Amino acid sequence: MDDKRIIELYWERNESAIKESRLAYGSYCATIADNILHSKEDTEECVNDTWIRAWNTIPPEKPRRLAHFLGRITRNLAIDRYRSGRSQKNGGGQISCCLDELSECIGEENPIEDKVALREILNSFLRLLDKKNREIFLLRYWYMMPVNEIARSFDMSEGAVKMVLKRVREKLRVYLESEGAWI
């Protein structure tokens, strides 16, 4: 079923919208959550919460791209779950590394997912990057993919991926300053 029809099902308050969302985007959302949580149970719970959040959000929202909409919900839920678990047991992991790396550009007190004002600036910045650098950046900081997996998927060394990420973060920092969005 196409996205437009799934969104119509949400607007009609037809419960099959959840079933169709799960069929179309279940593995996509699970991958996002698992990259952050690294726990099968937490991932499943997070993905199930995604369908509930989508049900409660559509309407009034009418997403243009359902995959991005559901991915953003999943990502934010997974980050919240990670932070909650981390504050209870103070563990480590990819998300901590990713957020630490990005804090060089955006500051620690103001996480990127909470900065609605930065969204357009970040989108503009990403459009300036070449395709490979943009994909590497997004895999690391949106999907929270480990560096070694990114390196494997691009047939690069881990050091080369780390260097790309470092250079892009520096470009982002400079870009944010030039746009008056330095935090």
N, C-alpha and C. Protein backbone atom coordinates (compact mmCIF):
# COMPACT_ATOMS: atom_id res chain seq x y z
N MET A 1 0.85 -1.17 0.00
CA MET A 1 0.00 0.00 0.00
C MET A 1 0.90 1.24 0.00
N ASP A 2 0.52 2.25 -0.74
CA ASP A 2 1.36 3.45 -0.83
C ASP A 2 1.12 4.37 0.38
N ASP A 3 2.09 5.26 0.59
CA ASP A 3 2.06 6.15 1.76
C ASP A 3 0.79 7.00 1.82
N LYS A 4 0.38 7.50 0.69
CA LYS A 4 -0.79 8.37 0.65
C LYS A 4 -2.01 7.64 1.21
N ARG A 5 -2.17 6.40 0.82
CA ARG A 5 -3.33 5.63 1.29
C ARG A 5 -3.20 5.32 2.79
N ILE A 6 -2.00 5.02 3.24
CA ILE A 6 -1.80 4.75 4.67
C ILE A 6 -2.15 5.99 5.49
N ILE A 7 -1.72 7.15 5.03
CA ILE A 7 -2.04 8.40 5.73
C ILE A 7 -3.54 8.63 5.74
N GLU A 8 -4.20 8.33 4.63
CA GLU A 8 -5.67 8.46 4.58
C GLU A 8 -6.32 7.55 5.62
N LEU A 9 -5.78 6.35 5.80
CA LEU A 9 -6.32 5.43 6.81
C LEU A 9 -6.19 6.03 8.22
N TYR A 10 -5.06 6.69 8.50
CA TYR A 10 -4.92 7.36 9.79
C TYR A 10 -5.97 8.44 9.94
N TRP A 11 -6.17 9.23 8.89
CA TRP A 11 -7.14 10.32 8.94
C TRP A 11 -8.56 9.79 9.11
N GLU A 12 -8.82 8.62 8.56
CA GLU A 12 -10.14 7.99 8.69
C GLU A 12 -10.29 7.29 10.04
N ARG A 13 -9.20 7.25 10.84
CA ARG A 13 -9.14 6.57 12.13
C ARG A 13 -9.39 5.08 11.96
N ASN A 14 -8.89 4.54 10.86
CA ASN A 14 -9.00 3.12 10.54
C ASN A 14 -7.77 2.42 11.12
N GLU A 15 -7.99 1.45 12.00
CA GLU A 15 -6.88 0.78 12.68
C GLU A 15 -5.96 0.00 11.74
N SER A 16 -6.39 -0.25 10.55
CA SER A 16 -5.51 -0.94 9.60
C SER A 16 -4.34 -0.05 9.18
N ALA A 17 -4.40 1.25 9.51
CA ALA A 17 -3.28 2.15 9.24
C ALA A 17 -2.04 1.67 9.99
N ILE A 18 -2.23 1.20 11.20
CA ILE A 18 -1.10 0.70 12.00
C ILE A 18 -0.54 -0.57 11.37
N LYS A 19 -1.42 -1.47 10.97
CA LYS A 19 -0.98 -2.72 10.34
C LYS A 19 -0.19 -2.42 9.07
N GLU A 20 -0.69 -1.53 8.25
CA GLU A 20 -0.02 -1.19 6.99
C GLU A 20 1.30 -0.46 7.24
N SER A 21 1.35 0.38 8.27
CA SER A 21 2.60 1.05 8.63
C SER A 21 3.64 0.03 9.06
N ARG A 22 3.20 -0.92 9.87
CA ARG A 22 4.10 -1.97 10.35
C ARG A 22 4.64 -2.78 9.18
N LEU A 23 3.78 -3.14 8.24
CA LEU A 23 4.22 -3.91 7.07
C LEU A 23 5.21 -3.13 6.21
N ALA A 24 4.92 -1.86 6.00
CA ALA A 24 5.75 -1.05 5.11
C ALA A 24 7.04 -0.57 5.77
N TYR A 25 6.99 -0.25 7.05
CA TYR A 25 8.12 0.43 7.68
C TYR A 25 8.59 -0.21 8.99
N GLY A 26 8.11 -1.38 9.31
CA GLY A 26 8.50 -2.05 10.55
C GLY A 26 9.99 -2.29 10.64
N SER A 27 10.58 -2.89 9.59
CA SER A 27 12.03 -3.16 9.67
C SER A 27 12.85 -1.89 9.62
N TYR A 28 12.40 -0.90 8.87
CA TYR A 28 13.09 0.39 8.81
C TYR A 28 13.14 1.01 10.21
N CYS A 29 12.02 1.06 10.89
CA CYS A 29 11.96 1.64 12.23
C CYS A 29 12.75 0.79 13.23
N ALA A 30 12.69 -0.52 13.08
CA ALA A 30 13.44 -1.40 13.98
C ALA A 30 14.94 -1.19 13.84
N THR A 31 15.41 -0.97 12.62
CA THR A 31 16.83 -0.72 12.40
C THR A 31 17.27 0.56 13.10
N ILE A 32 16.46 1.59 12.97
CA ILE A 32 16.78 2.87 13.63
C ILE A 32 16.85 2.67 15.14
N ALA A 33 15.83 2.04 15.70
CA ALA A 33 15.78 1.85 17.16
C ALA A 33 16.92 0.95 17.63
N ASP A 34 17.21 -0.12 16.89
CA ASP A 34 18.25 -1.05 17.31
C ASP A 34 19.64 -0.42 17.27
N ASN A 35 19.88 0.46 16.31
CA ASN A 35 21.17 1.16 16.26
C ASN A 35 21.39 2.03 17.49
N ILE A 36 20.32 2.45 18.11
CA ILE A 36 20.41 3.30 19.29
C ILE A 36 20.38 2.48 20.57
N LEU A 37 19.48 1.50 20.62
CA LEU A 37 19.22 0.79 21.87
C LEU A 37 20.00 -0.51 22.04
N HIS A 38 20.31 -1.19 20.96
CA HIS A 38 21.04 -2.46 21.01
C HIS A 38 20.40 -3.47 21.95
N SER A 39 19.09 -3.51 21.93
CA SER A 39 18.35 -4.45 22.76
C SER A 39 17.09 -4.84 21.99
N LYS A 40 16.92 -6.13 21.77
CA LYS A 40 15.77 -6.61 21.00
C LYS A 40 14.45 -6.18 21.66
N GLU A 41 14.37 -6.36 22.97
CA GLU A 41 13.13 -6.03 23.69
C GLU A 41 12.84 -4.53 23.64
N ASP A 42 13.85 -3.71 23.91
CA ASP A 42 13.66 -2.26 23.87
C ASP A 42 13.32 -1.79 22.46
N THR A 43 13.96 -2.40 21.45
CA THR A 43 13.68 -2.05 20.06
C THR A 43 12.23 -2.35 19.71
N GLU A 44 11.76 -3.54 20.07
CA GLU A 44 10.38 -3.92 19.78
C GLU A 44 9.39 -2.97 20.47
N GLU A 45 9.68 -2.66 21.72
CA GLU A 45 8.80 -1.76 22.46
C GLU A 45 8.79 -0.36 21.84
N CYS A 46 9.96 0.10 21.44
CA CYS A 46 10.08 1.42 20.83
C CYS A 46 9.30 1.47 19.50
N VAL A 47 9.43 0.44 18.69
CA VAL A 47 8.73 0.40 17.40
C VAL A 47 7.22 0.36 17.63
N ASN A 48 6.78 -0.42 18.61
CA ASN A 48 5.35 -0.45 18.93
C ASN A 48 4.87 0.92 19.40
N ASP A 49 5.69 1.60 20.17
CA ASP A 49 5.34 2.96 20.60
C ASP A 49 5.27 3.92 19.42
N THR A 50 6.06 3.64 18.38
CA THR A 50 6.02 4.48 17.18
C THR A 50 4.63 4.46 16.56
N TRP A 51 4.02 3.28 16.48
CA TRP A 51 2.69 3.19 15.85
C TRP A 51 1.65 3.95 16.69
N ILE A 52 1.79 3.86 18.02
CA ILE A 52 0.86 4.59 18.89
C ILE A 52 1.04 6.09 18.73
N ARG A 53 2.30 6.51 18.70
CA ARG A 53 2.58 7.95 18.53
C ARG A 53 2.07 8.44 17.18
N ALA A 54 2.27 7.66 16.13
CA ALA A 54 1.76 8.04 14.81
C ALA A 54 0.24 8.15 14.85
N TRP A 55 -0.42 7.19 15.49
CA TRP A 55 -1.89 7.19 15.59
C TRP A 55 -2.37 8.47 16.30
N ASN A 56 -1.64 8.86 17.35
CA ASN A 56 -2.03 10.05 18.11
C ASN A 56 -1.64 11.36 17.45
N THR A 57 -0.76 11.29 16.47
CA THR A 57 -0.26 12.51 15.83
C THR A 57 -0.93 12.79 14.48
N ILE A 58 -1.35 11.72 13.80
CA ILE A 58 -2.04 11.87 12.50
C ILE A 58 -3.51 11.56 12.72
N PRO A 59 -4.46 12.41 12.50
CA PRO A 59 -4.33 13.84 12.41
C PRO A 59 -3.95 14.44 13.76
N PRO A 60 -3.59 15.66 13.82
CA PRO A 60 -3.72 16.74 12.86
C PRO A 60 -2.60 16.81 11.83
N GLU A 61 -1.43 16.21 12.14
CA GLU A 61 -0.34 16.28 11.16
C GLU A 61 -0.66 15.45 9.93
N LYS A 62 -0.15 15.90 8.80
CA LYS A 62 -0.27 15.15 7.56
C LYS A 62 1.12 15.11 6.93
N PRO A 63 1.89 14.07 7.27
CA PRO A 63 3.28 14.02 6.80
C PRO A 63 3.39 13.93 5.29
N ARG A 64 4.40 14.60 4.75
CA ARG A 64 4.65 14.51 3.31
C ARG A 64 5.34 13.21 2.95
N ARG A 65 6.26 12.76 3.81
CA ARG A 65 6.98 11.49 3.58
C ARG A 65 6.82 10.64 4.83
N LEU A 66 6.01 9.63 4.72
CA LEU A 66 5.68 8.80 5.88
C LEU A 66 6.92 8.12 6.47
N ALA A 67 7.82 7.66 5.62
CA ALA A 67 9.03 6.99 6.13
C ALA A 67 9.83 7.94 7.03
N HIS A 68 10.02 9.17 6.61
CA HIS A 68 10.78 10.13 7.42
C HIS A 68 10.03 10.46 8.70
N PHE A 69 8.73 10.59 8.59
CA PHE A 69 7.90 10.90 9.75
C PHE A 69 8.00 9.79 10.79
N LEU A 70 7.81 8.55 10.37
CA LEU A 70 7.88 7.41 11.29
C LEU A 70 9.31 7.21 11.80
N GLY A 71 10.30 7.42 10.93
CA GLY A 71 11.69 7.31 11.35
C GLY A 71 12.05 8.32 12.43
N ARG A 72 11.55 9.54 12.28
CA ARG A 72 11.82 10.58 13.27
C ARG A 72 11.17 10.23 14.61
N ILE A 73 9.94 9.73 14.56
CA ILE A 73 9.27 9.32 15.80
C ILE A 73 10.07 8.22 16.48
N THR A 74 10.45 7.20 15.71
CA THR A 74 11.20 6.08 16.26
C THR A 74 12.51 6.55 16.87
N ARG A 75 13.22 7.37 16.13
CA ARG A 75 14.52 7.87 16.60
C ARG A 75 14.37 8.63 17.91
N ASN A 76 13.40 9.53 17.98
CA ASN A 76 13.22 10.32 19.19
C ASN A 76 12.79 9.45 20.37
N LEU A 77 11.92 8.48 20.12
CA LEU A 77 11.52 7.55 21.18
C LEU A 77 12.71 6.73 21.67
N ALA A 78 13.52 6.26 20.73
CA ALA A 78 14.69 5.45 21.10
C ALA A 78 15.70 6.28 21.89
N ILE A 79 15.93 7.51 21.47
CA ILE A 79 16.85 8.38 22.22
C ILE A 79 16.32 8.63 23.62
N ASP A 80 15.02 8.89 23.75
CA ASP A 80 14.43 9.09 25.07
C ASP A 80 14.58 7.85 25.93
N ARG A 81 14.34 6.67 25.34
CA ARG A 81 14.46 5.41 26.08
C ARG A 81 15.92 5.19 26.49
N TYR A 82 16.83 5.47 25.57
CA TYR A 82 18.26 5.32 25.87
C TYR A 82 18.65 6.23 27.04
N ARG A 83 18.26 7.49 26.96
CA ARG A 83 18.61 8.44 28.03
C ARG A 83 18.02 8.02 29.36
N SER A 84 16.80 7.54 29.32
CA SER A 84 16.16 7.08 30.55
C SER A 84 16.93 5.91 31.14
N GLY A 85 17.28 4.95 30.32
CA GLY A 85 18.04 3.80 30.79
C GLY A 85 19.43 4.18 31.24
N ARG A 86 20.04 5.10 30.52
CA ARG A 86 21.40 5.53 30.85
C ARG A 86 21.43 6.26 32.17
N SER A 87 20.41 7.08 32.41
CA SER A 87 20.40 7.81 33.67
C SER A 87 20.20 6.86 34.84
N GLN A 88 19.55 5.70 34.59
CA GLN A 88 19.34 4.74 35.66
C GLN A 88 20.57 3.88 35.90
N LYS A 89 21.29 3.50 34.82
CA LYS A 89 22.42 2.59 35.01
C LYS A 89 23.73 3.13 34.46
N ASN A 90 23.72 4.35 33.91
CA ASN A 90 24.93 5.04 33.45
C ASN A 90 25.79 4.17 32.53
N GLY A 91 25.18 3.62 31.50
CA GLY A 91 25.91 2.79 30.54
C GLY A 91 26.50 3.61 29.41
N GLY A 92 27.23 2.94 28.48
CA GLY A 92 27.83 3.61 27.34
C GLY A 92 27.16 3.15 26.07
N GLY A 93 27.78 3.40 24.92
CA GLY A 93 27.25 2.92 23.65
C GLY A 93 27.39 3.92 22.54
N GLN A 94 26.87 3.56 21.37
CA GLN A 94 26.98 4.39 20.17
C GLN A 94 26.32 5.74 20.33
N ILE A 95 25.14 5.77 20.92
CA ILE A 95 24.44 7.05 21.01
C ILE A 95 25.24 8.05 21.82
N SER A 96 25.85 7.58 22.90
CA SER A 96 26.67 8.46 23.71
C SER A 96 27.83 9.02 22.89
N CYS A 97 28.48 8.14 22.12
CA CYS A 97 29.59 8.57 21.27
C CYS A 97 29.12 9.59 20.24
N CYS A 98 28.00 9.30 19.59
CA CYS A 98 27.48 10.19 18.55
C CYS A 98 27.14 11.56 19.12
N LEU A 99 26.44 11.56 20.25
CA LEU A 99 26.05 12.84 20.84
C LEU A 99 27.25 13.61 21.35
N ASP A 100 28.24 12.90 21.87
CA ASP A 100 29.47 13.57 22.30
C ASP A 100 30.18 14.22 21.11
N GLU A 101 30.25 13.49 19.99
CA GLU A 101 30.89 14.02 18.79
C GLU A 101 30.17 15.27 18.30
N LEU A 102 28.84 15.22 18.27
CA LEU A 102 28.08 16.37 17.79
C LEU A 102 28.10 17.55 18.74
N SER A 103 28.35 17.28 20.02
CA SER A 103 28.35 18.38 20.98
C SER A 103 29.42 19.42 20.65
N GLU A 104 30.45 19.01 19.88
CA GLU A 104 31.47 19.97 19.44
C GLU A 104 30.84 21.09 18.61
N CYS A 105 29.78 20.74 17.89
CA CYS A 105 29.15 21.70 16.97
C CYS A 105 27.93 22.37 17.59
N ILE A 106 27.13 21.60 18.32
CA ILE A 106 25.82 22.11 18.72
C ILE A 106 25.66 22.32 20.21
N GLY A 107 26.62 21.96 20.99
CA GLY A 107 26.52 22.14 22.43
C GLY A 107 25.85 20.96 23.10
N GLU A 108 26.20 20.72 24.34
CA GLU A 108 25.68 19.56 25.05
C GLU A 108 24.31 19.81 25.66
N GLU A 109 24.06 21.01 26.12
CA GLU A 109 22.80 21.28 26.81
C GLU A 109 21.62 21.34 25.85
N ASN A 110 21.89 21.50 24.57
CA ASN A 110 20.83 21.67 23.60
C ASN A 110 20.89 20.58 22.54
N PRO A 111 20.38 19.38 22.86
CA PRO A 111 20.46 18.28 21.89
C PRO A 111 19.79 18.63 20.58
N ILE A 112 20.36 18.09 19.51
CA ILE A 112 19.89 18.42 18.17
C ILE A 112 18.42 18.10 17.96
N GLU A 113 17.91 17.01 18.57
CA GLU A 113 16.53 16.64 18.34
C GLU A 113 15.56 17.63 18.98
N ASP A 114 16.04 18.46 19.92
CA ASP A 114 15.19 19.45 20.57
C ASP A 114 15.27 20.83 19.93
N LYS A 115 16.11 21.00 18.94
CA LYS A 115 16.33 22.32 18.37
C LYS A 115 15.58 22.48 17.06
N VAL A 116 14.30 22.77 17.15
CA VAL A 116 13.47 22.92 15.96
C VAL A 116 14.01 24.03 15.07
N ALA A 117 14.52 25.09 15.67
CA ALA A 117 15.02 26.22 14.89
C ALA A 117 16.21 25.84 14.02
N LEU A 118 16.95 24.82 14.42
CA LEU A 118 18.12 24.41 13.64
C LEU A 118 17.78 23.52 12.44
N ARG A 119 16.58 23.02 12.38
CA ARG A 119 16.23 22.05 11.35
C ARG A 119 16.50 22.58 9.94
N GLU A 120 16.04 23.76 9.64
CA GLU A 120 16.24 24.30 8.30
C GLU A 120 17.72 24.57 8.01
N ILE A 121 18.43 25.07 9.01
CA ILE A 121 19.85 25.32 8.82
C ILE A 121 20.59 24.00 8.56
N LEU A 122 20.25 22.96 9.33
CA LEU A 122 20.89 21.66 9.13
C LEU A 122 20.55 21.08 7.76
N ASN A 123 19.30 21.22 7.35
CA ASN A 123 18.91 20.74 6.02
C ASN A 123 19.69 21.47 4.93
N SER A 124 19.85 22.77 5.09
CA SER A 124 20.63 23.53 4.11
C SER A 124 22.08 23.07 4.09
N PHE A 125 22.64 22.84 5.26
CA PHE A 125 24.01 22.36 5.35
C PHE A 125 24.16 21.01 4.66
N LEU A 126 23.25 20.10 4.94
CA LEU A 126 23.33 18.76 4.35
C LEU A 126 23.25 18.81 2.83
N ARG A 127 22.46 19.73 2.30
CA ARG A 127 22.36 19.86 0.84
C ARG A 127 23.67 20.34 0.22
N LEU A 128 24.51 21.01 1.00
CA LEU A 128 25.80 21.49 0.50
C LEU A 128 26.85 20.38 0.41
N LEU A 129 26.65 19.31 1.17
CA LEU A 129 27.63 18.23 1.19
C LEU A 129 27.49 17.36 -0.06
N ASP A 130 28.62 16.75 -0.47
CA ASP A 130 28.51 15.79 -1.56
C ASP A 130 27.79 14.56 -1.02
N LYS A 131 27.28 13.74 -1.93
CA LYS A 131 26.41 12.62 -1.57
C LYS A 131 27.07 11.68 -0.56
N LYS A 132 28.31 11.31 -0.80
CA LYS A 132 28.99 10.35 0.07
C LYS A 132 29.15 10.90 1.49
N ASN A 133 29.62 12.13 1.62
CA ASN A 133 29.79 12.73 2.94
C ASN A 133 28.45 12.89 3.66
N ARG A 134 27.42 13.28 2.92
CA ARG A 134 26.09 13.42 3.51
C ARG A 134 25.59 12.07 4.02
N GLU A 135 25.76 11.01 3.23
CA GLU A 135 25.31 9.69 3.65
C GLU A 135 26.08 9.20 4.87
N ILE A 136 27.38 9.40 4.89
CA ILE A 136 28.19 9.00 6.05
C ILE A 136 27.73 9.76 7.29
N PHE A 137 27.54 11.06 7.16
CA PHE A 137 27.09 11.89 8.28
C PHE A 137 25.74 11.41 8.80
N LEU A 138 24.80 11.18 7.90
CA LEU A 138 23.46 10.75 8.32
C LEU A 138 23.47 9.35 8.93
N LEU A 139 24.26 8.46 8.36
CA LEU A 139 24.34 7.11 8.95
C LEU A 139 24.85 7.17 10.38
N ARG A 140 25.81 8.03 10.62
CA ARG A 140 26.39 8.13 11.96
C ARG A 140 25.47 8.87 12.93
N TYR A 141 24.98 10.04 12.53
CA TYR A 141 24.30 10.91 13.48
C TYR A 141 22.79 10.85 13.43
N TRP A 142 22.21 10.31 12.39
CA TRP A 142 20.75 10.11 12.38
C TRP A 142 20.43 8.67 12.75
N TYR A 143 21.10 7.73 12.09
CA TYR A 143 20.84 6.31 12.33
C TYR A 143 21.70 5.71 13.44
N MET A 144 22.65 6.50 13.96
CA MET A 144 23.53 6.08 15.05
C MET A 144 24.28 4.78 14.72
N MET A 145 24.68 4.65 13.47
CA MET A 145 25.38 3.45 13.03
C MET A 145 26.84 3.50 13.49
N PRO A 146 27.36 2.39 13.98
CA PRO A 146 28.76 2.36 14.40
C PRO A 146 29.71 2.64 13.22
N VAL A 147 30.84 3.24 13.52
CA VAL A 147 31.83 3.60 12.49
C VAL A 147 32.27 2.39 11.68
N ASN A 148 32.48 1.25 12.35
CA ASN A 148 32.95 0.08 11.62
C ASN A 148 31.92 -0.41 10.59
N GLU A 149 30.63 -0.27 10.88
CA GLU A 149 29.61 -0.66 9.90
C GLU A 149 29.57 0.32 8.73
N ILE A 150 29.73 1.60 9.02
CA ILE A 150 29.78 2.60 7.94
C ILE A 150 30.97 2.31 7.04
N ALA A 151 32.11 2.04 7.66
CA ALA A 151 33.33 1.74 6.89
C ALA A 151 33.11 0.55 5.98
N ARG A 152 32.49 -0.49 6.51
CA ARG A 152 32.21 -1.68 5.70
C ARG A 152 31.28 -1.37 4.54
N SER A 153 30.24 -0.59 4.79
CA SER A 153 29.27 -0.31 3.72
C SER A 153 29.83 0.60 2.63
N PHE A 154 30.86 1.39 2.94
CA PHE A 154 31.48 2.26 1.94
C PHE A 154 32.83 1.73 1.46
N ASP A 155 33.20 0.56 1.94
CA ASP A 155 34.49 -0.03 1.59
C ASP A 155 35.63 0.94 1.88
N MET A 156 35.61 1.46 3.11
CA MET A 156 36.61 2.41 3.58
C MET A 156 37.20 1.88 4.88
N SER A 157 38.33 2.43 5.27
CA SER A 157 38.87 2.09 6.59
C SER A 157 38.10 2.88 7.65
N GLU A 158 38.13 2.39 8.87
CA GLU A 158 37.47 3.12 9.96
C GLU A 158 38.10 4.49 10.15
N GLY A 159 39.42 4.56 9.99
CA GLY A 159 40.11 5.84 10.11
C GLY A 159 39.64 6.86 9.08
N ALA A 160 39.41 6.38 7.86
CA ALA A 160 38.94 7.28 6.80
C ALA A 160 37.54 7.79 7.13
N VAL A 161 36.68 6.92 7.65
CA VAL A 161 35.33 7.34 8.03
C VAL A 161 35.40 8.36 9.16
N LYS A 162 36.24 8.09 10.15
CA LYS A 162 36.39 9.04 11.27
C LYS A 162 36.88 10.40 10.77
N MET A 163 37.79 10.39 9.80
CA MET A 163 38.30 11.65 9.26
C MET A 163 37.20 12.40 8.51
N VAL A 164 36.40 11.69 7.72
CA VAL A 164 35.28 12.32 7.02
C VAL A 164 34.34 12.96 8.04
N LEU A 165 34.00 12.20 9.08
CA LEU A 165 33.09 12.72 10.11
C LEU A 165 33.67 13.94 10.81
N LYS A 166 34.95 13.90 11.12
CA LYS A 166 35.59 15.03 11.78
C LYS A 166 35.53 16.27 10.89
N ARG A 167 35.84 16.10 9.62
CA ARG A 167 35.83 17.24 8.69
C ARG A 167 34.42 17.80 8.50
N VAL A 168 33.44 16.92 8.41
CA VAL A 168 32.06 17.38 8.23
C VAL A 168 31.57 18.07 9.49
N ARG A 169 31.92 17.55 10.67
CA ARG A 169 31.54 18.23 11.91
C ARG A 169 32.15 19.63 11.97
N GLU A 170 33.40 19.76 11.56
CA GLU A 170 34.04 21.07 11.55
C GLU A 170 33.33 22.01 10.57
N LYS A 171 33.00 21.50 9.39
CA LYS A 171 32.24 22.31 8.42
C LYS A 171 30.89 22.73 9.01
N LEU A 172 30.26 21.80 9.72
CA LEU A 172 28.97 22.12 10.35
C LEU A 172 29.14 23.21 11.40
N ARG A 173 30.17 23.11 12.21
CA ARG A 173 30.42 24.13 13.23
C ARG A 173 30.59 25.50 12.59
N VAL A 174 31.40 25.56 11.54
CA VAL A 174 31.64 26.83 10.84
C VAL A 174 30.34 27.33 10.20
N TYR A 175 29.58 26.42 9.61
CA TYR A 175 28.32 26.79 8.95
C TYR A 175 27.33 27.34 9.98
N LEU A 176 27.22 26.68 11.13
CA LEU A 176 26.31 27.16 12.17
C LEU A 176 26.71 28.56 12.66
N GLU A 177 28.03 28.78 12.81
CA GLU A 177 28.50 30.11 13.21
C GLU A 177 28.14 31.15 12.16
N SER A 178 28.34 30.80 10.88
CA SER A 178 28.06 31.75 9.81
C SER A 178 26.57 32.08 9.70
N GLU A 179 25.74 31.14 10.14
CA GLU A 179 24.29 31.35 10.10
C GLU A 179 23.77 31.97 11.40
N GLY A 180 24.67 32.25 12.31
CA GLY A 180 24.27 32.85 13.58
C GLY A 180 23.59 31.87 14.51
N ALA A 181 23.85 30.58 14.31
CA ALA A 181 23.18 29.58 15.12
C ALA A 181 24.14 28.89 16.07
N TRP A 182 25.30 29.46 16.31
CA TRP A 182 26.26 28.84 17.22
C TRP A 182 25.66 28.78 18.62
N ILE A 183 25.80 27.64 19.23
CA ILE A 183 25.19 27.45 20.55
C ILE A 183 26.27 27.46 21.61
